[in-house]
Amino acid sequence: MKESSKPAVFSIASILSIAAAIGSFMTGAFFGLVLAIVAIFFGAIGVLMSFADSRRGGIVSVLAVVGGVLGIVAAVVKAILWIF
């Protein structure tokens, strides 16, 4: 194995994905759905980027994907409650 002199850093995708997942719970139904989809998209990219030696954030990205899925469920529940 080759050791690098620079420490591994979190990818921008993993940071954006967790921020979008958290934000999806703090907004209404429509923006919550949009942010949840963004969290899943960037989370998938973050997981792929975490396979590189110089990147971290695989667990964070997986948590963001799970949060995005839960955010979609929460957005659907918010929309149903808003309709009724």
PDB file of N, CA and C in Angstrom:
ATOM      1  N   MET A   1       0.831  -1.175   0.000  1.00  0.00           N
ATOM      2  CA  MET A   1       0.000   0.000   0.000  1.00  0.00           C
ATOM      3  C   MET A   1       0.877   1.241   0.000  1.00  0.00           C
ATOM      4  N   LYS A   2       0.406   2.201  -0.701  1.00  0.00           N
ATOM      5  CA  LYS A   2       1.126   3.456  -0.814  1.00  0.00           C
ATOM      6  C   LYS A   2       0.555   4.459   0.177  1.00  0.00           C
ATOM      7  N   GLU A   3       1.417   5.042   0.983  1.00  0.00           N
ATOM      8  CA  GLU A   3       0.965   6.043   1.939  1.00  0.00           C
ATOM      9  C   GLU A   3       1.189   7.426   1.361  1.00  0.00           C
ATOM     10  N   SER A   4       0.203   8.281   1.535  1.00  0.00           N
ATOM     11  CA  SER A   4       0.337   9.649   1.041  1.00  0.00           C
ATOM     12  C   SER A   4       0.734  10.565   2.192  1.00  0.00           C
ATOM     13  N   SER A   5       1.343  11.678   1.829  1.00  0.00           N
ATOM     14  CA  SER A   5       1.778  12.616   2.859  1.00  0.00           C
ATOM     15  C   SER A   5       0.648  13.532   3.316  1.00  0.00           C
ATOM     16  N   LYS A   6      -0.414  13.642   2.515  1.00  0.00           N
ATOM     17  CA  LYS A   6      -1.547  14.477   2.876  1.00  0.00           C
ATOM     18  C   LYS A   6      -2.613  13.629   3.572  1.00  0.00           C
ATOM     19  N   PRO A   7      -3.257  14.187   4.591  1.00  0.00           N
ATOM     20  CA  PRO A   7      -4.337  13.430   5.238  1.00  0.00           C
ATOM     21  C   PRO A   7      -5.566  13.358   4.339  1.00  0.00           C
ATOM     22  N   ALA A   8      -6.349  12.330   4.540  1.00  0.00           N
ATOM     23  CA  ALA A   8      -7.578  12.182   3.771  1.00  0.00           C
ATOM     24  C   ALA A   8      -8.573  13.261   4.183  1.00  0.00           C
ATOM     25  N   VAL A   9      -9.285  13.796   3.217  1.00  0.00           N
ATOM     26  CA  VAL A   9     -10.255  14.865   3.476  1.00  0.00           C
ATOM     27  C   VAL A   9     -11.646  14.405   3.034  1.00  0.00           C
ATOM     28  N   PHE A  10     -12.660  15.024   3.638  1.00  0.00           N
ATOM     29  CA  PHE A  10     -14.028  14.752   3.234  1.00  0.00           C
ATOM     30  C   PHE A  10     -14.283  15.360   1.857  1.00  0.00           C
ATOM     31  N   SER A  11     -15.034  14.664   1.040  1.00  0.00           N
ATOM     32  CA  SER A  11     -15.367  15.198  -0.273  1.00  0.00           C
ATOM     33  C   SER A  11     -16.484  16.230  -0.139  1.00  0.00           C
ATOM     34  N   ILE A  12     -16.524  17.135  -1.081  1.00  0.00           N
ATOM     35  CA  ILE A  12     -17.585  18.155  -1.102  1.00  0.00           C
ATOM     36  C   ILE A  12     -18.947  17.479  -1.251  1.00  0.00           C
ATOM     37  N   ALA A  13     -19.000  16.396  -2.019  1.00  0.00           N
ATOM     38  CA  ALA A  13     -20.270  15.705  -2.229  1.00  0.00           C
ATOM     39  C   ALA A  13     -20.821  15.144  -0.922  1.00  0.00           C
ATOM     40  N   SER A  14     -19.946  14.608  -0.073  1.00  0.00           N
ATOM     41  CA  SER A  14     -20.444  14.053   1.197  1.00  0.00           C
ATOM     42  C   SER A  14     -20.936  15.151   2.125  1.00  0.00           C
ATOM     43  N   ILE A  15     -20.275  16.284   2.111  1.00  0.00           N
ATOM     44  CA  ILE A  15     -20.706  17.406   2.956  1.00  0.00           C
ATOM     45  C   ILE A  15     -22.036  17.973   2.458  1.00  0.00           C
ATOM     46  N   LEU A  16     -22.159  18.147   1.133  1.00  0.00           N
ATOM     47  CA  LEU A  16     -23.409  18.657   0.571  1.00  0.00           C
ATOM     48  C   LEU A  16     -24.559  17.681   0.790  1.00  0.00           C
ATOM     49  N   SER A  17     -24.267  16.399   0.701  1.00  0.00           N
ATOM     50  CA  SER A  17     -25.338  15.417   0.848  1.00  0.00           C
ATOM     51  C   SER A  17     -25.900  15.397   2.269  1.00  0.00           C
ATOM     52  N   ILE A  18     -25.032  15.468   3.265  1.00  0.00           N
ATOM     53  CA  ILE A  18     -25.536  15.459   4.641  1.00  0.00           C
ATOM     54  C   ILE A  18     -26.258  16.765   4.960  1.00  0.00           C
ATOM     55  N   ALA A  19     -25.788  17.881   4.402  1.00  0.00           N
ATOM     56  CA  ALA A  19     -26.469  19.166   4.614  1.00  0.00           C
ATOM     57  C   ALA A  19     -27.853  19.154   3.963  1.00  0.00           C
ATOM     58  N   ALA A  20     -27.955  18.577   2.769  1.00  0.00           N
ATOM     59  CA  ALA A  20     -29.253  18.498   2.090  1.00  0.00           C
ATOM     60  C   ALA A  20     -30.200  17.553   2.820  1.00  0.00           C
ATOM     61  N   ALA A  21     -29.663  16.460   3.364  1.00  0.00           N
ATOM     62  CA  ALA A  21     -30.513  15.519   4.110  1.00  0.00           C
ATOM     63  C   ALA A  21     -31.072  16.168   5.366  1.00  0.00           C
ATOM     64  N   ILE A  22     -30.240  16.910   6.072  1.00  0.00           N
ATOM     65  CA  ILE A  22     -30.714  17.605   7.272  1.00  0.00           C
ATOM     66  C   ILE A  22     -31.718  18.691   6.890  1.00  0.00           C
ATOM     67  N   GLY A  23     -31.420  19.428   5.824  1.00  0.00           N
ATOM     68  CA  GLY A  23     -32.316  20.493   5.375  1.00  0.00           C
ATOM     69  C   GLY A  23     -33.657  19.985   4.891  1.00  0.00           C
ATOM     70  N   SER A  24     -33.701  18.747   4.411  1.00  0.00           N
ATOM     71  CA  SER A  24     -34.969  18.221   3.905  1.00  0.00           C
ATOM     72  C   SER A  24     -36.007  18.056   5.015  1.00  0.00           C
ATOM     73  N   PHE A  25     -35.551  17.896   6.256  1.00  0.00           N
ATOM     74  CA  PHE A  25     -36.485  17.763   7.368  1.00  0.00           C
ATOM     75  C   PHE A  25     -36.935  19.120   7.909  1.00  0.00           C
ATOM     76  N   MET A  26     -36.247  20.185   7.540  1.00  0.00           N
ATOM     77  CA  MET A  26     -36.538  21.504   8.098  1.00  0.00           C
ATOM     78  C   MET A  26     -37.386  22.376   7.186  1.00  0.00           C
ATOM     79  N   THR A  27     -37.791  21.863   6.051  1.00  0.00           N
ATOM     80  CA  THR A  27     -38.573  22.651   5.100  1.00  0.00           C
ATOM     81  C   THR A  27     -39.927  21.991   4.884  1.00  0.00           C
ATOM     82  N   GLY A  28     -40.692  22.581   3.998  1.00  0.00           N
ATOM     83  CA  GLY A  28     -42.019  22.053   3.683  1.00  0.00           C
ATOM     84  C   GLY A  28     -41.939  20.833   2.789  1.00  0.00           C
ATOM     85  N   ALA A  29     -43.091  20.446   2.286  1.00  0.00           N
ATOM     86  CA  ALA A  29     -43.186  19.212   1.516  1.00  0.00           C
ATOM     87  C   ALA A  29     -42.405  19.293   0.200  1.00  0.00           C
ATOM     88  N   PHE A  30     -42.594  20.370  -0.564  1.00  0.00           N
ATOM     89  CA  PHE A  30     -41.955  20.448  -1.881  1.00  0.00           C
ATOM     90  C   PHE A  30     -40.445  20.580  -1.767  1.00  0.00           C
ATOM     91  N   PHE A  31     -39.975  21.553  -0.991  1.00  0.00           N
ATOM     92  CA  PHE A  31     -38.532  21.747  -0.868  1.00  0.00           C
ATOM     93  C   PHE A  31     -37.878  20.591  -0.098  1.00  0.00           C
ATOM     94  N   GLY A  32     -38.619  19.970   0.790  1.00  0.00           N
ATOM     95  CA  GLY A  32     -38.120  18.787   1.476  1.00  0.00           C
ATOM     96  C   GLY A  32     -37.880  17.645   0.509  1.00  0.00           C
ATOM     97  N   LEU A  33     -38.798  17.477  -0.441  1.00  0.00           N
ATOM     98  CA  LEU A  33     -38.638  16.450  -1.461  1.00  0.00           C
ATOM     99  C   LEU A  33     -37.437  16.747  -2.355  1.00  0.00           C
ATOM    100  N   VAL A  34     -37.309  18.006  -2.763  1.00  0.00           N
ATOM    101  CA  VAL A  34     -36.181  18.397  -3.617  1.00  0.00           C
ATOM    102  C   VAL A  34     -34.859  18.182  -2.887  1.00  0.00           C
ATOM    103  N   LEU A  35     -34.773  18.618  -1.636  1.00  0.00           N
ATOM    104  CA  LEU A  35     -33.525  18.444  -0.880  1.00  0.00           C
ATOM    105  C   LEU A  35     -33.226  16.970  -0.605  1.00  0.00           C
ATOM    106  N   ALA A  36     -34.255  16.159  -0.422  1.00  0.00           N
ATOM    107  CA  ALA A  36     -34.032  14.729  -0.217  1.00  0.00           C
ATOM    108  C   ALA A  36     -33.472  14.078  -1.477  1.00  0.00           C
ATOM    109  N   ILE A  37     -33.961  14.476  -2.629  1.00  0.00           N
ATOM    110  CA  ILE A  37     -33.435  13.948  -3.894  1.00  0.00           C
ATOM    111  C   ILE A  37     -31.998  14.405  -4.093  1.00  0.00           C
ATOM    112  N   VAL A  38     -31.707  15.661  -3.755  1.00  0.00           N
ATOM    113  CA  VAL A  38     -30.329  16.167  -3.836  1.00  0.00           C
ATOM    114  C   VAL A  38     -29.419  15.386  -2.893  1.00  0.00           C
ATOM    115  N   ALA A  39     -29.905  15.077  -1.688  1.00  0.00           N
ATOM    116  CA  ALA A  39     -29.114  14.314  -0.719  1.00  0.00           C
ATOM    117  C   ALA A  39     -28.791  12.923  -1.244  1.00  0.00           C
ATOM    118  N   ILE A  40     -29.757  12.281  -1.871  1.00  0.00           N
ATOM    119  CA  ILE A  40     -29.513  10.948  -2.423  1.00  0.00           C
ATOM    120  C   ILE A  40     -28.512  11.027  -3.571  1.00  0.00           C
ATOM    121  N   PHE A  41     -28.653  12.031  -4.435  1.00  0.00           N
ATOM    122  CA  PHE A  41     -27.755  12.177  -5.577  1.00  0.00           C
ATOM    123  C   PHE A  41     -26.315  12.421  -5.123  1.00  0.00           C
ATOM    124  N   PHE A  42     -26.127  13.427  -4.266  1.00  0.00           N
ATOM    125  CA  PHE A  42     -24.773  13.727  -3.798  1.00  0.00           C
ATOM    126  C   PHE A  42     -24.238  12.627  -2.878  1.00  0.00           C
ATOM    127  N   GLY A  43     -25.109  11.949  -2.165  1.00  0.00           N
ATOM    128  CA  GLY A  43     -24.672  10.837  -1.329  1.00  0.00           C
ATOM    129  C   GLY A  43     -24.111   9.700  -2.156  1.00  0.00           C
ATOM    130  N   ALA A  44     -24.763   9.406  -3.278  1.00  0.00           N
ATOM    131  CA  ALA A  44     -24.252   8.359  -4.160  1.00  0.00           C
ATOM    132  C   ALA A  44     -22.896   8.750  -4.746  1.00  0.00           C
ATOM    133  N   ILE A  45     -22.764  10.011  -5.129  1.00  0.00           N
ATOM    134  CA  ILE A  45     -21.471  10.489  -5.637  1.00  0.00           C
ATOM    135  C   ILE A  45     -20.418  10.427  -4.540  1.00  0.00           C
ATOM    136  N   GLY A  46     -20.784  10.806  -3.323  1.00  0.00           N
ATOM    137  CA  GLY A  46     -19.856  10.776  -2.196  1.00  0.00           C
ATOM    138  C   GLY A  46     -19.380   9.366  -1.870  1.00  0.00           C
ATOM    139  N   VAL A  47     -20.284   8.394  -1.982  1.00  0.00           N
ATOM    140  CA  VAL A  47     -19.887   7.004  -1.742  1.00  0.00           C
ATOM    141  C   VAL A  47     -18.878   6.567  -2.791  1.00  0.00           C
ATOM    142  N   LEU A  48     -19.124   6.909  -4.041  1.00  0.00           N
ATOM    143  CA  LEU A  48     -18.177   6.547  -5.101  1.00  0.00           C
ATOM    144  C   LEU A  48     -16.829   7.237  -4.915  1.00  0.00           C
ATOM    145  N   MET A  49     -16.855   8.498  -4.498  1.00  0.00           N
ATOM    146  CA  MET A  49     -15.602   9.230  -4.301  1.00  0.00           C
ATOM    147  C   MET A  49     -14.828   8.720  -3.085  1.00  0.00           C
ATOM    148  N   SER A  50     -15.526   8.134  -2.119  1.00  0.00           N
ATOM    149  CA  SER A  50     -14.851   7.674  -0.908  1.00  0.00           C
ATOM    150  C   SER A  50     -13.971   6.454  -1.154  1.00  0.00           C
ATOM    151  N   PHE A  51     -14.105   5.822  -2.307  1.00  0.00           N
ATOM    152  CA  PHE A  51     -13.244   4.694  -2.625  1.00  0.00           C
ATOM    153  C   PHE A  51     -11.813   5.126  -2.935  1.00  0.00           C
ATOM    154  N   ALA A  52     -11.601   6.410  -3.228  1.00  0.00           N
ATOM    155  CA  ALA A  52     -10.251   6.913  -3.474  1.00  0.00           C
ATOM    156  C   ALA A  52      -9.479   6.964  -2.158  1.00  0.00           C
ATOM    157  N   ASP A  53      -8.172   6.789  -2.225  1.00  0.00           N
ATOM    158  CA  ASP A  53      -7.355   6.789  -1.011  1.00  0.00           C
ATOM    159  C   ASP A  53      -7.316   8.139  -0.313  1.00  0.00           C
ATOM    160  N   SER A  54      -7.426   9.208  -1.070  1.00  0.00           N
ATOM    161  CA  SER A  54      -7.279  10.542  -0.488  1.00  0.00           C
ATOM    162  C   SER A  54      -8.594  11.153  -0.035  1.00  0.00           C
ATOM    163  N   ARG A  55      -9.676  10.394  -0.079  1.00  0.00           N
ATOM    164  CA  ARG A  55     -10.997  10.924   0.283  1.00  0.00           C
ATOM    165  C   ARG A  55     -11.600  10.142   1.431  1.00  0.00           C
ATOM    166  N   ARG A  56     -12.390  10.845   2.218  1.00  0.00           N
ATOM    167  CA  ARG A  56     -13.163  10.240   3.292  1.00  0.00           C
ATOM    168  C   ARG A  56     -14.624  10.576   3.056  1.00  0.00           C
ATOM    169  N   GLY A  57     -15.486  10.066   3.893  1.00  0.00           N
ATOM    170  CA  GLY A  57     -16.889  10.453   3.830  1.00  0.00           C
ATOM    171  C   GLY A  57     -17.825   9.377   3.359  1.00  0.00           C
ATOM    172  N   GLY A  58     -17.378   8.143   3.292  1.00  0.00           N
ATOM    173  CA  GLY A  58     -18.260   7.067   2.845  1.00  0.00           C
ATOM    174  C   GLY A  58     -19.425   6.839   3.789  1.00  0.00           C
ATOM    175  N   ILE A  59     -19.144   6.807   5.090  1.00  0.00           N
ATOM    176  CA  ILE A  59     -20.204   6.601   6.080  1.00  0.00           C
ATOM    177  C   ILE A  59     -21.157   7.791   6.087  1.00  0.00           C
ATOM    178  N   VAL A  60     -20.602   8.993   5.997  1.00  0.00           N
ATOM    179  CA  VAL A  60     -21.426  10.203   5.972  1.00  0.00           C
ATOM    180  C   VAL A  60     -22.339  10.183   4.753  1.00  0.00           C
ATOM    181  N   SER A  61     -21.809   9.764   3.618  1.00  0.00           N
ATOM    182  CA  SER A  61     -22.608   9.716   2.398  1.00  0.00           C
ATOM    183  C   SER A  61     -23.707   8.662   2.485  1.00  0.00           C
ATOM    184  N   VAL A  62     -23.387   7.521   3.064  1.00  0.00           N
ATOM    185  CA  VAL A  62     -24.410   6.481   3.234  1.00  0.00           C
ATOM    186  C   VAL A  62     -25.503   6.976   4.179  1.00  0.00           C
ATOM    187  N   LEU A  63     -25.113   7.640   5.258  1.00  0.00           N
ATOM    188  CA  LEU A  63     -26.109   8.210   6.170  1.00  0.00           C
ATOM    189  C   LEU A  63     -26.956   9.267   5.473  1.00  0.00           C
ATOM    190  N   ALA A  64     -26.343  10.033   4.567  1.00  0.00           N
ATOM    191  CA  ALA A  64     -27.093  11.048   3.824  1.00  0.00           C
ATOM    192  C   ALA A  64     -28.094  10.404   2.867  1.00  0.00           C
ATOM    193  N   VAL A  65     -27.718   9.291   2.251  1.00  0.00           N
ATOM    194  CA  VAL A  65     -28.658   8.583   1.371  1.00  0.00           C
ATOM    195  C   VAL A  65     -29.836   8.056   2.186  1.00  0.00           C
ATOM    196  N   VAL A  66     -29.548   7.482   3.351  1.00  0.00           N
ATOM    197  CA  VAL A  66     -30.624   7.007   4.227  1.00  0.00           C
ATOM    198  C   VAL A  66     -31.487   8.184   4.689  1.00  0.00           C
ATOM    199  N   GLY A  67     -30.833   9.292   5.036  1.00  0.00           N
ATOM    200  CA  GLY A  67     -31.578  10.495   5.415  1.00  0.00           C
ATOM    201  C   GLY A  67     -32.406  11.037   4.266  1.00  0.00           C
ATOM    202  N   GLY A  68     -31.892  10.928   3.052  1.00  0.00           N
ATOM    203  CA  GLY A  68     -32.654  11.369   1.877  1.00  0.00           C
ATOM    204  C   GLY A  68     -33.895  10.523   1.657  1.00  0.00           C
ATOM    205  N   VAL A  69     -33.762   9.230   1.839  1.00  0.00           N
ATOM    206  CA  VAL A  69     -34.926   8.346   1.705  1.00  0.00           C
ATOM    207  C   VAL A  69     -35.955   8.661   2.785  1.00  0.00           C
ATOM    208  N   LEU A  70     -35.480   8.849   4.015  1.00  0.00           N
ATOM    209  CA  LEU A  70     -36.402   9.234   5.084  1.00  0.00           C
ATOM    210  C   LEU A  70     -36.996  10.620   4.831  1.00  0.00           C
ATOM    211  N   GLY A  71     -36.213  11.504   4.204  1.00  0.00           N
ATOM    212  CA  GLY A  71     -36.714  12.830   3.856  1.00  0.00           C
ATOM    213  C   GLY A  71     -37.824  12.771   2.823  1.00  0.00           C
ATOM    214  N   ILE A  72     -37.718  11.831   1.888  1.00  0.00           N
ATOM    215  CA  ILE A  72     -38.787  11.653   0.899  1.00  0.00           C
ATOM    216  C   ILE A  72     -40.059  11.177   1.597  1.00  0.00           C
ATOM    217  N   VAL A  73     -39.913  10.237   2.508  1.00  0.00           N
ATOM    218  CA  VAL A  73     -41.081   9.756   3.253  1.00  0.00           C
ATOM    219  C   VAL A  73     -41.698  10.897   4.057  1.00  0.00           C
ATOM    220  N   ALA A  74     -40.850  11.691   4.712  1.00  0.00           N
ATOM    221  CA  ALA A  74     -41.360  12.819   5.500  1.00  0.00           C
ATOM    222  C   ALA A  74     -42.046  13.851   4.610  1.00  0.00           C
ATOM    223  N   ALA A  75     -41.499  14.098   3.413  1.00  0.00           N
ATOM    224  CA  ALA A  75     -42.112  15.066   2.500  1.00  0.00           C
ATOM    225  C   ALA A  75     -43.471  14.581   2.015  1.00  0.00           C
ATOM    226  N   VAL A  76     -43.592  13.284   1.760  1.00  0.00           N
ATOM    227  CA  VAL A  76     -44.883  12.738   1.337  1.00  0.00           C
ATOM    228  C   VAL A  76     -45.897  12.844   2.475  1.00  0.00           C
ATOM    229  N   VAL A  77     -45.473  12.560   3.696  1.00  0.00           N
ATOM    230  CA  VAL A  77     -46.383  12.679   4.846  1.00  0.00           C
ATOM    231  C   VAL A  77     -46.798  14.136   5.033  1.00  0.00           C
ATOM    232  N   LYS A  78     -45.842  15.074   4.898  1.00  0.00           N
ATOM    233  CA  LYS A  78     -46.174  16.499   5.019  1.00  0.00           C
ATOM    234  C   LYS A  78     -47.166  16.918   3.945  1.00  0.00           C
ATOM    235  N   ALA A  79     -46.996  16.410   2.728  1.00  0.00           N
ATOM    236  CA  ALA A  79     -47.911  16.760   1.643  1.00  0.00           C
ATOM    237  C   ALA A  79     -49.307  16.203   1.899  1.00  0.00           C
ATOM    238  N   ILE A  80     -49.381  14.975   2.405  1.00  0.00           N
ATOM    239  CA  ILE A  80     -50.692  14.388   2.704  1.00  0.00           C
ATOM    240  C   ILE A  80     -51.376  15.173   3.821  1.00  0.00           C
ATOM    241  N   LEU A  81     -50.623  15.540   4.838  1.00  0.00           N
ATOM    242  CA  LEU A  81     -51.214  16.307   5.932  1.00  0.00           C
ATOM    243  C   LEU A  81     -51.633  17.702   5.471  1.00  0.00           C
ATOM    244  N   TRP A  82     -50.916  18.272   4.521  1.00  0.00           N
ATOM    245  CA  TRP A  82     -51.265  19.596   4.017  1.00  0.00           C
ATOM    246  C   TRP A  82     -52.556  19.527   3.197  1.00  0.00           C
ATOM    247  N   ILE A  83     -52.742  18.442   2.438  1.00  0.00           N
ATOM    248  CA  ILE A  83     -53.933  18.294   1.610  1.00  0.00           C
ATOM    249  C   ILE A  83     -55.163  18.112   2.491  1.00  0.00           C
ATOM    250  N   PHE A  84     -55.029  17.300   3.520  1.00  0.00           N
ATOM    251  CA  PHE A  84     -56.181  17.024   4.391  1.00  0.00           C
ATOM    252  C   PHE A  84     -56.113  17.925   5.547  1.00  0.00           C
TER     253      PHE A  84
END
